[in-house]
Protein backbone atom coordinates (compact mmCIF):
# COMPACT_ATOMS: atom_id res chain seq x y z
CA HIS A 1 -0.02 0.00 -0.01
CA GLN A 2 2.88 2.37 0.75
CA GLN A 3 4.39 1.72 -2.55
CA THR A 4 1.12 2.34 -4.28
CA ILE A 5 0.83 5.69 -2.57
CA LYS A 6 4.41 6.63 -3.30
CA ARG A 7 3.71 5.86 -7.05
CA LYS A 8 0.73 8.07 -7.04
CA ILE A 9 2.54 10.98 -5.48
CA ARG A 10 5.36 10.69 -7.90
CA LEU A 11 2.87 10.54 -10.79
CA GLN A 12 0.84 13.64 -9.63
CA TYR A 13 3.52 15.81 -8.34
CA PRO A 14 6.61 15.22 -10.76
CA GLY A 15 9.76 16.75 -9.26
CA GLU A 16 8.04 17.51 -5.90
CA TYR A 17 8.50 14.16 -4.17
CA SER A 18 11.46 15.21 -2.03
CA LYS A 19 9.73 18.29 -0.80
CA LEU A 20 7.53 16.17 1.30
CA ALA A 21 10.37 16.38 3.89
CA PHE A 22 9.14 19.92 4.69
CA GLN A 23 5.76 18.63 5.94
CA ALA A 24 7.51 15.78 7.80
CA GLU A 25 9.79 18.30 9.60
CA GLU A 26 6.79 20.40 10.67
CA ASN A 27 4.94 17.27 11.86
CA GLU A 28 8.04 16.40 14.02
CA LEU A 29 8.10 19.97 15.37
CA ASP A 30 4.42 19.80 16.33
CA ALA A 31 4.84 16.43 17.89
CA ALA A 32 7.76 17.80 19.98
CA ALA A 33 5.75 20.88 21.04
CA ALA A 34 2.92 18.66 22.12
CA GLY A 35 5.20 16.64 24.36
CA GLY A 36 6.49 14.38 21.75
CA GLY A 37 6.06 11.08 22.73
CA GLY A 38 6.05 7.52 22.65
CA GLY A 39 2.72 6.49 23.97
CA GLY A 40 0.69 9.13 22.34
CA SER A 41 2.07 8.55 18.87
CA GLU A 42 1.29 4.86 19.04
CA LYS A 43 -2.22 5.63 20.16
CA GLN A 44 -2.33 8.10 17.09
CA GLN A 45 -1.05 5.43 14.70
CA ARG A 46 -3.69 2.98 15.85
CA LYS A 47 -6.44 5.57 14.93
CA GLU A 48 -4.85 6.52 11.58
CA THR A 49 -6.03 4.92 8.48
CA ALA A 50 -3.74 2.91 6.35
CA THR A 51 -3.21 5.61 3.66
CA ALA A 52 -2.55 8.29 6.24
CA ARG A 53 0.03 6.08 7.83
CA ALA A 54 1.66 5.41 4.42
CA VAL A 55 1.89 9.11 3.50
CA ARG A 56 3.33 9.82 6.94
CA GLU A 57 6.10 7.05 6.40
CA ILE A 58 6.84 8.48 2.92
CA ARG A 59 7.27 11.98 4.40
CA ARG A 60 9.62 10.78 7.12
CA GLU A 61 11.59 8.74 4.58
CA ALA A 62 11.93 11.79 2.40
CA LEU A 63 13.10 13.86 5.35
CA GLU A 64 15.75 11.38 6.30
CA ARG A 65 17.09 11.31 2.71
CA LEU A 66 17.20 15.09 2.74
CA ARG A 67 19.03 15.09 6.01
CA SER A 68 21.54 12.52 4.75
CA GLY A 69 22.32 14.65 1.70
CA GLU A 70 20.79 12.15 -0.82
CA ASP A 71 18.17 14.76 -2.04
CA TYR A 72 19.03 18.49 -2.58
CA VAL A 73 16.28 21.05 -2.83
CA ASP A 74 17.07 24.61 -3.90
CA ALA A 75 15.49 26.79 -1.35
CA GLY A 76 16.39 30.03 -2.96
CA GLY A 77 19.44 30.69 -0.96
CA GLY A 78 17.74 30.16 2.45
CA ASP A 79 18.84 27.61 4.96
CA SER A 80 16.62 24.78 6.22
CA SER A 81 16.22 26.32 9.67
CA ASP A 82 13.57 28.77 8.51
CA VAL A 83 11.50 26.20 6.65
CA GLY A 84 8.36 26.86 8.74
CA ALA A 85 8.86 30.64 9.13
CA GLU A 86 8.06 31.63 5.61
CA GLY A 87 5.34 30.44 3.26
CA ARG A 88 4.23 31.06 -0.41
CA LEU A 89 0.96 31.78 -2.13
CA ILE A 90 0.37 29.86 -5.27
CA ILE A 91 -2.31 31.49 -7.43
CA HIS A 92 -3.53 29.73 -10.38
CA ARG A 93 -6.66 28.63 -12.40
CA GLU A 94 -7.59 25.13 -13.46
CA VAL A 95 -7.11 25.99 -17.21
CA ASP A 96 -3.61 27.16 -16.48
CA MET A 97 -2.45 23.78 -14.89
CA LYS A 98 -0.56 21.83 -17.56
CA SER A 99 1.55 18.75 -17.23
CA SER A 100 4.73 20.83 -17.93
CA SER A 101 3.92 23.64 -15.32
CA MET A 102 6.35 22.20 -12.81
CA ASN A 103 9.82 20.76 -13.75
CA ASN A 104 12.30 18.91 -11.56
CA GLN A 105 13.61 22.19 -10.05
CA GLY A 106 10.19 23.11 -8.71
CA ASP A 107 9.58 25.94 -11.19
CA ILE A 108 6.08 27.20 -11.57
CA GLY A 109 4.70 27.65 -15.17
CA GLU A 110 3.38 30.99 -16.52
CA GLY A 111 -0.14 29.96 -15.40
CA ALA A 112 0.69 30.58 -11.77
CA MET A 113 1.63 33.66 -9.79
CA ILE A 114 3.77 33.24 -6.65
CA ILE A 115 3.65 35.56 -3.65
CA SER A 116 6.17 35.35 -0.89
CA GLY A 117 4.54 34.74 2.52
CA SER A 118 5.72 35.93 5.94
CA ASN A 119 4.53 36.16 9.47
CA ASN A 120 2.96 39.47 8.37
CA THR A 121 0.24 38.06 6.03
CA THR A 122 -1.22 41.64 5.36
CA ALA A 123 2.12 42.69 3.85
CA ALA A 124 2.25 39.57 1.67
CA ALA A 125 -1.29 40.08 0.46
CA SER A 126 -0.84 43.80 -0.32
CA THR A 127 1.43 43.32 -3.30
CA PRO A 128 -0.14 40.44 -5.24
CA ASN A 129 0.87 41.64 -8.69
CA SER A 130 4.54 42.37 -8.10
CA THR A 131 6.68 40.93 -10.86
CA THR A 132 9.84 41.50 -8.78
CA THR A 133 8.49 39.17 -6.12
CA ASN A 134 7.53 36.70 -8.68
CA GLN A 135 11.18 36.61 -10.14
CA GLN A 136 12.64 36.34 -6.66
CA GLN A 137 10.48 33.36 -5.73
CA LYS A 138 11.14 31.53 -8.96
CA GLY A 139 12.46 28.01 -8.29
CA GLN A 140 11.77 28.07 -4.61
CA PRO A 141 9.86 25.01 -3.11
CA ILE A 142 6.21 25.04 -2.52
CA ARG A 143 5.71 25.47 1.19
CA SER A 144 2.67 24.59 3.30
CA GLY A 145 0.22 27.30 4.33
CA GLY A 146 -0.43 28.60 0.86
CA ILE A 147 -4.05 29.80 -0.19
CA LEU A 148 -5.72 29.85 -3.59
CA VAL A 149 -7.01 33.26 -4.58
CA LYS A 150 -8.58 34.48 -7.87
CA ARG A 151 -6.36 35.76 -10.64
CA ASP A 152 -7.03 39.30 -11.69
CA ASP A 153 -4.88 39.59 -14.68
CA ASP A 154 -6.28 39.77 -18.21
CA ASP A 155 -7.10 36.37 -19.68
CA SER A 156 -7.80 37.78 -23.14
CA ASN A 157 -4.44 36.58 -24.42
CA ASN A 158 -5.40 32.95 -23.61
CA THR A 159 -8.95 33.17 -25.07
CA THR A 160 -9.41 32.11 -28.72
CA ILE A 161 -11.95 34.33 -30.50
CA PRO A 162 -13.77 32.39 -33.21
CA THR A 163 -14.43 34.38 -36.35
CA PRO A 164 -18.17 34.41 -37.11
CA LYS A 165 -19.32 34.01 -40.72
CA TRP A 166 -21.12 36.85 -42.15
CA HIS A 167 -24.84 36.49 -42.78
CA ALA A 168 -27.18 39.02 -44.41
CA PRO A 169 -29.85 40.43 -42.12
CA TRP A 170 -33.39 39.21 -42.47
CA LYS A 171 -36.54 41.22 -43.19
CA LEU A 172 -40.28 40.69 -43.34
CA SER A 173 -41.50 39.89 -46.79
CA THR A 174 -45.18 38.62 -46.68
CA VAL A 175 -47.94 38.40 -44.10
CA LEU A 176 -50.70 35.74 -44.38
CA SER A 177 -53.83 36.24 -42.36
CA SER A 178 -55.89 33.20 -42.71
CA HIS A 179 -56.32 31.49 -39.29
CA LEU A 180 -58.82 32.52 -36.76
CA GLY A 181 -56.62 31.75 -33.66
CA TRP A 182 -52.98 31.45 -32.64
CA VAL A 183 -50.91 29.53 -35.22
CA ARG A 184 -49.13 26.84 -33.32
CA SER A 185 -47.40 24.52 -35.82
CA ILE A 186 -45.85 24.30 -39.24
CA ALA A 187 -44.42 21.68 -41.56
CA PHE A 188 -42.93 21.77 -45.19
CA ASP A 189 -43.57 19.07 -47.68
CA PRO A 190 -40.53 17.17 -48.88
CA HIS A 191 -40.68 18.74 -52.41
CA ASN A 192 -40.73 22.32 -51.04
CA THR A 193 -43.87 23.17 -52.95
CA MET A 194 -46.37 23.62 -50.01
CA PHE A 195 -46.45 23.97 -46.30
CA ALA A 196 -49.16 23.24 -43.71
CA THR A 197 -50.01 25.20 -40.59
CA GLY A 198 -52.23 24.28 -37.57
CA GLY A 199 -53.67 26.66 -35.04
CA ASN A 200 -55.97 27.17 -32.13
CA ASP A 201 -58.92 27.49 -34.54
CA ARG A 202 -58.58 23.57 -34.75
CA VAL A 203 -58.06 23.54 -38.52
CA ILE A 204 -55.05 22.64 -40.68
CA LYS A 205 -54.40 24.97 -43.63
CA ILE A 206 -52.21 23.92 -46.59
CA PHE A 207 -50.63 26.79 -48.64
CA ASP A 208 -48.78 26.82 -51.91
CA LEU A 209 -45.28 28.12 -51.05
CA ALA A 210 -44.49 29.97 -54.26
CA LYS A 211 -47.80 31.83 -54.30
CA ALA A 212 -47.67 32.59 -50.56
CA CYS A 213 -44.21 34.14 -50.98
CA VAL A 214 -45.77 36.79 -53.29
CA ALA A 215 -49.01 37.11 -51.32
CA ARG A 216 -51.26 35.76 -54.05
CA GLU A 217 -54.95 35.47 -52.92
CA ASP A 218 -55.18 31.90 -54.22
CA ALA A 219 -52.15 30.70 -51.94
CA LEU A 220 -54.44 28.72 -49.74
CA LYS A 221 -54.99 25.20 -51.26
CA ILE A 222 -57.29 23.44 -48.75
CA THR A 223 -58.41 23.56 -45.14
CA LEU A 224 -58.59 20.28 -43.17
CA THR A 225 -61.03 20.01 -40.32
CA GLY A 226 -61.19 17.08 -37.84
CA HIS A 227 -59.42 18.14 -34.63
CA ILE A 228 -61.48 19.34 -31.70
CA SER A 229 -58.69 21.29 -29.99
CA PRO A 230 -55.60 23.25 -31.04
CA VAL A 231 -53.28 21.50 -33.54
CA ARG A 232 -49.79 21.43 -31.89
CA GLY A 233 -47.79 19.17 -34.32
CA LEU A 234 -47.57 18.57 -38.04
CA ALA A 235 -45.30 16.46 -40.24
CA PHE A 236 -45.13 15.38 -44.00
CA SER A 237 -44.07 11.96 -44.83
CA GLU A 238 -41.12 11.69 -47.29
CA ARG A 239 -41.96 8.24 -48.69
CA HIS A 240 -45.85 8.54 -48.60
CA PRO A 241 -48.47 11.11 -49.56
CA TYR A 242 -49.39 11.49 -45.92
CA LEU A 243 -49.61 14.51 -43.40
CA PHE A 244 -49.51 13.59 -39.85
CA SER A 245 -51.13 15.92 -37.11
CA ALA A 246 -51.40 15.97 -33.29
CA GLY A 247 -53.47 18.10 -31.08
CA GLU A 248 -54.38 18.93 -27.60
CA ASP A 249 -57.43 16.64 -28.00
CA LYS A 250 -55.08 13.62 -27.41
CA LEU A 251 -55.53 12.64 -31.09
CA VAL A 252 -52.81 11.84 -33.59
CA LYS A 253 -54.15 11.59 -37.09
CA CYS A 254 -52.78 10.47 -40.42
CA TRP A 255 -54.28 12.35 -43.46
CA ASP A 256 -54.18 10.97 -47.13
CA LEU A 257 -53.42 14.15 -49.13
CA GLU A 258 -54.69 12.43 -52.30
CA THR A 259 -58.22 12.18 -50.86
CA ASN A 260 -57.86 14.77 -48.04
CA GLN A 261 -59.30 12.38 -45.50
CA VAL A 262 -58.17 10.86 -42.20
CA ILE A 263 -57.07 7.22 -42.80
CA ARG A 264 -55.54 6.33 -39.40
CA HIS A 265 -55.75 7.31 -35.70
CA TYR A 266 -53.06 6.51 -33.13
CA HIS A 267 -54.62 6.06 -29.76
CA GLY A 268 -52.82 5.99 -26.53
CA HIS A 269 -51.89 9.44 -25.17
CA LEU A 270 -53.51 10.32 -21.92
CA SER A 271 -53.55 14.04 -22.43
CA GLY A 272 -52.74 16.67 -24.97
CA VAL A 273 -50.02 16.05 -27.60
CA PHE A 274 -47.59 18.85 -27.97
CA ALA A 275 -44.88 17.56 -30.37
CA LEU A 276 -44.82 15.24 -33.40
CA LYS A 277 -41.85 14.06 -35.47
CA LEU A 278 -41.33 11.42 -38.12
CA HIS A 279 -38.22 9.17 -38.23
CA PRO A 280 -36.13 9.98 -41.24
CA THR A 281 -35.46 6.41 -42.46
CA LEU A 282 -37.94 4.09 -40.64
CA ASP A 283 -41.72 4.12 -40.80
CA LEU A 284 -42.03 5.42 -37.34
CA LEU A 285 -43.90 8.19 -35.79
CA VAL A 286 -42.87 9.83 -32.49
CA THR A 287 -45.24 11.95 -30.22
CA GLY A 288 -44.74 13.72 -27.05
CA GLY A 289 -47.31 15.33 -24.87
CA ARG A 290 -48.59 16.41 -21.43
CA ASP A 291 -48.70 12.92 -20.03
CA ALA A 292 -44.77 13.24 -19.68
CA VAL A 293 -43.98 10.45 -22.11
CA ALA A 294 -42.83 10.17 -25.68
CA ARG A 295 -44.67 7.46 -27.75
CA VAL A 296 -43.19 5.60 -30.79
CA TRP A 297 -45.82 4.38 -33.22
CA ASP A 298 -45.53 2.05 -36.14
CA MET A 299 -46.95 4.21 -38.93
CA ARG A 300 -48.64 1.35 -40.80
CA THR A 301 -50.06 -0.92 -38.03
CA LYS A 302 -50.94 1.98 -35.69
CA HIS A 303 -49.41 -0.11 -32.76
CA GLN A 304 -47.35 1.64 -30.17
CA VAL A 305 -43.82 0.30 -30.39
CA HIS A 306 -42.28 2.06 -27.31
CA CYS A 307 -43.42 4.36 -24.48
CA LEU A 308 -40.49 6.41 -23.48
CA THR A 309 -40.96 7.22 -19.79
CA GLY A 310 -38.67 9.16 -17.48
CA HIS A 311 -39.56 12.80 -17.73
CA ASP A 312 -41.39 14.54 -14.78
CA ASN A 313 -43.32 16.99 -16.92
CA THR A 314 -44.66 17.69 -20.43
CA VAL A 315 -42.59 16.51 -23.30
CA GLY A 316 -42.70 19.64 -25.42
CA ALA A 317 -39.96 19.16 -28.11
CA LEU A 318 -38.70 16.27 -30.21
CA LEU A 319 -35.89 15.40 -32.57
CA THR A 320 -35.43 12.25 -34.67
CA LYS A 321 -32.24 11.18 -36.38
CA SER A 322 -31.04 8.14 -38.32
CA THR A 323 -28.07 7.61 -36.07
CA ASP A 324 -27.97 6.76 -32.39
CA PRO A 325 -29.35 8.31 -30.26
CA GLN A 326 -32.25 8.34 -32.75
CA ILE A 327 -34.68 10.22 -30.53
CA VAL A 328 -34.05 13.34 -28.46
CA THR A 329 -36.78 14.74 -26.18
CA GLY A 330 -37.00 18.06 -24.42
CA SER A 331 -39.21 18.58 -21.49
CA TYR A 332 -40.80 21.19 -19.28
CA ASP A 333 -38.96 19.53 -16.30
CA SER A 334 -35.83 21.37 -17.82
CA THR A 335 -34.15 18.10 -18.90
CA ILE A 336 -33.13 16.66 -22.22
CA LYS A 337 -33.03 12.91 -22.81
CA LEU A 338 -31.38 10.82 -25.42
CA TRP A 339 -32.95 7.58 -26.30
CA ASP A 340 -31.93 4.30 -27.62
CA LEU A 341 -34.70 3.43 -30.06
CA ALA A 342 -33.89 -0.33 -30.28
CA ALA A 343 -34.15 -0.81 -26.53
CA GLY A 344 -36.60 1.89 -25.91
CA LYS A 345 -34.43 3.23 -22.97
CA CYS A 346 -32.82 6.39 -21.97
CA MET A 347 -29.06 6.56 -22.89
CA THR A 348 -28.24 10.04 -21.38
CA THR A 349 -30.05 12.76 -19.47
CA LEU A 350 -28.87 16.33 -19.82
CA THR A 351 -29.59 18.65 -16.81
CA HIS A 352 -27.78 21.90 -17.82
CA HIS A 353 -30.88 23.91 -18.38
CA LYS A 354 -32.65 25.60 -15.49
CA LYS A 355 -35.86 26.36 -17.29
CA SER A 356 -38.43 24.29 -19.41
CA VAL A 357 -36.89 23.09 -22.64
CA ARG A 358 -39.63 24.10 -25.31
CA ALA A 359 -37.64 23.94 -28.53
CA LEU A 360 -35.01 21.73 -30.16
CA ALA A 361 -33.31 22.19 -33.49
CA MET A 362 -30.68 20.23 -35.55
CA PRO A 363 -28.73 21.21 -38.67
CA SER A 364 -28.47 18.86 -41.62
CA TYR A 365 -24.77 19.17 -42.20
CA GLU A 366 -23.35 18.07 -38.80
CA ASN A 367 -24.16 15.86 -35.92
CA THR A 368 -25.08 18.47 -33.37
CA PHE A 369 -28.30 19.74 -31.95
CA ILE A 370 -29.28 22.92 -30.03
CA SER A 371 -31.92 23.35 -27.23
CA GLY A 372 -33.74 26.40 -26.29
CA ALA A 373 -35.15 27.57 -22.91
CA ALA A 374 -35.79 30.73 -21.09
CA ASP A 375 -32.31 30.68 -19.49
CA SER A 376 -30.24 30.32 -22.68
CA LEU A 377 -29.56 28.23 -25.87
CA LYS A 378 -27.20 25.28 -25.46
CA LYS A 379 -25.44 23.34 -28.18
CA TRP A 380 -24.68 19.75 -27.80
CA VAL A 381 -22.77 16.85 -29.62
CA GLY A 382 -25.43 14.75 -31.20
CA SER A 383 -23.68 11.37 -30.62
CA ASP A 384 -23.22 11.46 -26.90
CA GLY A 385 -24.74 14.73 -25.60
CA ARG A 386 -21.51 16.43 -24.69
CA PHE A 387 -22.05 20.10 -24.01
CA ILE A 388 -20.35 22.49 -26.57
CA LYS A 389 -21.42 25.98 -25.61
CA SER A 390 -24.16 28.22 -24.58
CA PHE A 391 -25.69 30.97 -26.73
CA THR A 392 -26.63 33.81 -24.29
CA GLY A 393 -28.36 36.99 -24.89
CA HIS A 394 -31.96 36.19 -25.86
CA LYS A 395 -34.23 37.34 -22.95
CA GLY A 396 -37.58 35.53 -23.23
CA VAL A 397 -39.19 32.09 -23.23
CA ILE A 398 -37.94 30.37 -26.36
CA ASN A 399 -40.86 28.72 -28.10
CA ALA A 400 -39.31 28.04 -31.58
CA MET A 401 -35.92 27.41 -33.17
CA ALA A 402 -34.94 26.68 -36.71
CA VAL A 403 -31.60 26.34 -38.47
CA ASN A 404 -30.85 26.22 -42.15
CA ASP A 405 -27.93 24.82 -44.29
CA ASP A 406 -26.19 28.14 -44.34
CA GLY A 407 -25.64 28.04 -40.64
CA VAL A 408 -28.25 30.68 -39.71
CA LEU A 409 -30.08 29.79 -36.51
CA LEU A 410 -33.30 31.56 -35.51
CA SER A 411 -34.71 31.66 -31.91
CA GLY A 412 -38.20 33.03 -31.44
CA ALA A 413 -39.65 33.98 -28.19
CA ASP A 414 -43.10 34.48 -26.59
CA ASP A 415 -42.54 38.32 -26.36
CA GLY A 416 -42.02 38.55 -30.16
CA SER A 417 -38.23 38.94 -30.07
CA MET A 418 -36.29 37.22 -32.83
CA ASN A 419 -32.63 36.49 -32.74
CA PHE A 420 -30.60 35.37 -35.56
CA TRP A 421 -27.34 33.57 -34.72
CA ASP A 422 -24.30 32.08 -36.53
CA TYR A 423 -24.83 28.39 -35.59
CA ASN A 424 -21.15 27.57 -35.65
CA THR A 425 -19.74 30.30 -33.38
CA GLY A 426 -22.86 31.47 -31.39
CA HIS A 427 -22.53 35.09 -32.71
CA CYS A 428 -25.86 36.92 -32.71
CA PHE A 429 -25.81 38.99 -35.87
CA GLN A 430 -29.33 40.35 -35.69
CA GLN A 431 -31.90 41.08 -32.90
CA SER A 432 -35.37 42.16 -34.07
CA MET A 433 -39.04 42.20 -33.02
CA THR A 434 -41.76 40.74 -35.01
CA VAL A 435 -44.55 43.23 -36.01
CA ALA A 436 -48.21 42.48 -34.82
CA GLN A 437 -50.77 43.11 -37.38
CA PRO A 438 -53.04 46.08 -37.05
CA GLY A 439 -55.74 45.70 -34.55
CA SER A 440 -53.79 43.20 -32.39
CA LEU A 441 -52.87 43.55 -28.86
CA ASP A 442 -49.30 44.07 -27.72
CA ALA A 443 -49.66 40.87 -25.89
CA GLU A 444 -50.32 39.04 -29.20
CA ASN A 445 -46.70 39.44 -30.19
CA GLY A 446 -45.41 35.93 -29.53
CA ILE A 447 -43.78 33.45 -31.90
CA PHE A 448 -44.96 29.87 -31.50
CA ALA A 449 -43.44 28.01 -34.36
CA ALA A 450 -40.81 28.66 -37.10
CA GLU A 451 -39.32 26.75 -39.92
CA PHE A 452 -36.92 27.41 -42.87
CA ASP A 453 -37.92 26.10 -46.25
CA LEU A 454 -35.76 23.42 -47.92
CA THR A 455 -33.65 25.99 -49.78
CA GLY A 456 -33.00 28.03 -46.53
CA THR A 457 -33.83 31.22 -48.26
CA ARG A 458 -37.41 31.73 -46.70
CA LEU A 459 -38.35 31.61 -43.09
CA ILE A 460 -41.89 31.14 -41.99
CA THR A 461 -43.04 32.03 -38.48
CA CYS A 462 -46.49 31.28 -36.84
CA GLU A 463 -47.45 33.86 -34.53
CA ALA A 464 -49.91 34.87 -31.67
CA ASP A 465 -51.59 37.70 -33.78
CA LYS A 466 -53.19 34.71 -35.83
CA THR A 467 -50.83 35.53 -38.90
CA ILE A 468 -48.13 33.56 -40.70
CA LYS A 469 -45.14 35.67 -41.59
CA ILE A 470 -42.60 34.97 -44.35
CA TRP A 471 -39.10 36.42 -43.96
CA LYS A 472 -36.19 36.66 -46.42
CA GLU A 473 -32.68 38.00 -46.48
CA ASP A 474 -32.04 41.54 -47.37
CA GLU A 475 -30.68 41.28 -50.88
CA HIS A 476 -29.13 44.78 -50.68
CA ALA A 477 -27.13 44.09 -47.51
CA SER A 478 -23.31 43.41 -47.78
CA GLU A 479 -20.38 43.20 -45.38
CA LEU A 480 -19.79 46.92 -45.96
CA THR A 481 -23.37 47.97 -45.01
CA HIS A 482 -23.80 45.49 -42.23
CA PRO A 483 -20.30 44.58 -40.78
CA ILE A 484 -19.77 42.14 -38.03
CA ASP A 485 -19.39 43.94 -34.62
CA MET A 486 -16.12 42.29 -33.73
CA LYS A 487 -15.42 44.62 -30.84
CA ASN A 488 -18.48 43.51 -28.86
CA TRP A 489 -18.20 39.97 -30.06
CA ARG A 490 -14.58 39.91 -28.59
CA LYS A 491 -15.76 41.37 -25.17
CA LYS A 492 -18.41 38.66 -25.11
CA CYS A 493 -16.11 35.90 -25.72
CA ILE A 494 -13.59 37.02 -23.10
CA ALA A 495 -16.36 37.56 -20.48
CA GLU A 496 -17.75 34.06 -21.21
CA ALA A 497 -14.31 32.46 -20.94
CA LYS A 498 -14.00 33.73 -17.36
CA LYS A 499 -17.31 32.09 -16.40
CA ARG A 500 -17.65 28.46 -15.41
CA TYR A 501 -20.51 26.57 -16.91
């Protein structure tokens, strides 16, 4: 056991093994001052654990070797008689601790600042930034009695500032006023020719995308009725002429778009259904709702394949992927769960958010995803759920997020605020507010759903003023007219680097 402890000390403190002698000498002085002794030390040995005994023996062994001249420690010119009289303060941060920070001579790397200690601690603490003191203390052994204090020098030199990609600002293009209630959901068909919206008026409306972008009166193709509560989820199938819908009436319906009729019902939810997604490669349908579970359905047989339980509150957001984890759920209990579809069990639970997770989004060009809550947006690795970074600055309850192939991320909140981000770096290049249609209340300024079309050039938002708004990039903008604010971006990166997440 003693040999094992000795190896661990050598591995964790390279070059510092012989300096254990200082602690051993202090222990001897303490024992002598307490009346030193035979019987007391034996009683103490019996009470000590095996590890404490082994460490004490190693310290004593190091002290004996130091006294016999086998080991030499440079004490900066001082003799060994004042070992306990003077201490040092080692000031460092975790990110500054590198394997090469201490060599065999006991030098401290650039990530640490050393302050000489003395019996007058006030005098030692009064000059923490003195470079002369640092140079004088270079190479001295680390003594006991040091404390850790916060570094106050500028960390900007150590922080890498990612360069954000320039994106053109987005502007409002068209407003469609067709629903009679809040518009709660949207989906694009796989050919990018039409899109469907569902609202609190319990109907599903299907629009022609090209005609809607130029505000043609005949943009509305058909209205589907059948739900008896607000429609909260919509999805087009890529392999079949089907549209799937879910509502707060606990119903999940499959519509045949050739006959415009309901051909299947999926029964099983015990309360309202708030989210719906289709699996990209398998004929599976995933729904999540207020009964705090996500249910996986076989699209053809209407049977429930899995009931994914584990959340403590409403499942309000879903993602489906073709690679594991194939299902990601976001819940109002402020957690995100990654699921193994084959086993029907949870692989990972992410607990970083402090508020309800109401939106999830995933780009098509990389295996990452992003979650949105009232506290912040957080980006994750798609394969194992490792945290990448937080996107901070959007104040509001994030109800909707969407990302296109150009790396533009939109986050829409319940107060009508819209933030456009560079997805790769987290730079917010545009902050704007949606415009409520005339006659609406200020409170009807929220965004409930948003989606980019398949080309990524049009953004459609579903809002609380009963309208559907189509946004497009400003074609007259350039890097000269709308440059990236690198000054504030640099400040934000340095401030975030000093935080601990």
